[in-house]
Amino acid sequence: MQRTQKSNENRTASILQRLPVILAVTAASYGLTLPAGARAANAQQPAKTEQSQPAPQR
């Protein structure tokens, strides 16, 4: 029982990791695209840069 459950968990995790790509390909096959400026769920966020001085207030 344990081995089957572990196998099912691994399979589920594998599918969930590929889900964004599966959805993107499916959407593309229907001619759907993300709106401009939208980010995919698995897209990397830009690195945060530290400002040495605060921006001047107007």
Protein backbone atom coordinates (compact mmCIF):
# COMPACT_ATOMS: atom_id res chain seq x y z
CA MET A 1 0.00 0.00 0.00
CA GLN A 2 2.78 2.44 0.92
CA ARG A 3 4.62 1.97 -2.36
CA THR A 4 1.48 2.59 -4.43
CA GLN A 5 0.63 5.72 -2.44
CA LYS A 6 4.17 7.09 -2.85
CA SER A 7 4.04 6.38 -6.59
CA ASN A 8 0.72 8.21 -6.87
CA GLU A 9 2.11 11.19 -4.94
CA ASN A 10 5.14 11.38 -7.23
CA ARG A 11 2.94 11.19 -10.32
CA THR A 12 0.64 13.91 -8.98
CA ALA A 13 3.59 16.18 -8.15
CA SER A 14 5.03 15.65 -11.63
CA ILE A 15 1.74 16.55 -13.30
CA LEU A 16 1.27 19.63 -11.11
CA GLN A 17 4.76 20.88 -12.01
CA ARG A 18 3.90 20.61 -15.72
CA LEU A 19 0.41 22.09 -15.38
CA PRO A 20 1.31 25.70 -16.37
CA VAL A 21 2.89 24.46 -19.59
CA ILE A 22 -0.04 22.14 -20.31
CA LEU A 23 -2.49 25.01 -19.83
CA ALA A 24 -0.42 27.38 -21.97
CA VAL A 25 -0.26 24.90 -24.84
CA THR A 26 -3.99 24.19 -24.55
CA ALA A 27 -4.82 27.92 -24.54
CA ALA A 28 -2.54 28.53 -27.52
CA SER A 29 -4.28 25.75 -29.45
CA TYR A 30 -7.53 27.71 -29.04
CA GLY A 31 -5.85 30.94 -30.12
CA LEU A 32 -5.81 32.43 -26.63
CA THR A 33 -2.89 34.52 -25.39
CA LEU A 34 -1.98 36.37 -22.22
CA PRO A 35 -2.80 40.09 -22.26
CA ALA A 36 0.15 42.47 -22.58
CA GLY A 37 1.91 42.91 -19.26
CA ALA A 38 0.53 39.69 -17.78
CA ARG A 39 2.96 37.23 -16.31
CA ALA A 40 2.80 33.49 -16.46
CA ALA A 41 2.47 31.77 -13.12
CA ASN A 42 5.88 30.17 -13.40
CA ALA A 43 7.69 33.25 -14.70
CA GLN A 44 10.63 34.42 -12.66
CA GLN A 45 10.23 37.67 -10.81
CA PRO A 46 12.79 40.38 -11.50
CA ALA A 47 15.54 40.68 -8.93
CA LYS A 48 14.91 43.31 -6.29
CA THR A 49 17.42 46.13 -6.36
CA GLU A 50 18.19 48.14 -3.30
CA GLN A 51 18.13 51.89 -3.63
CA SER A 52 21.04 53.62 -2.00
CA GLN A 53 18.99 56.79 -1.55
CA PRO A 54 15.25 57.25 -1.34
CA ALA A 55 13.60 58.80 -4.38
CA PRO A 56 13.13 62.56 -4.04
CA GLN A 57 9.59 63.59 -3.17
CA ARG A 58 7.86 66.17 -5.30
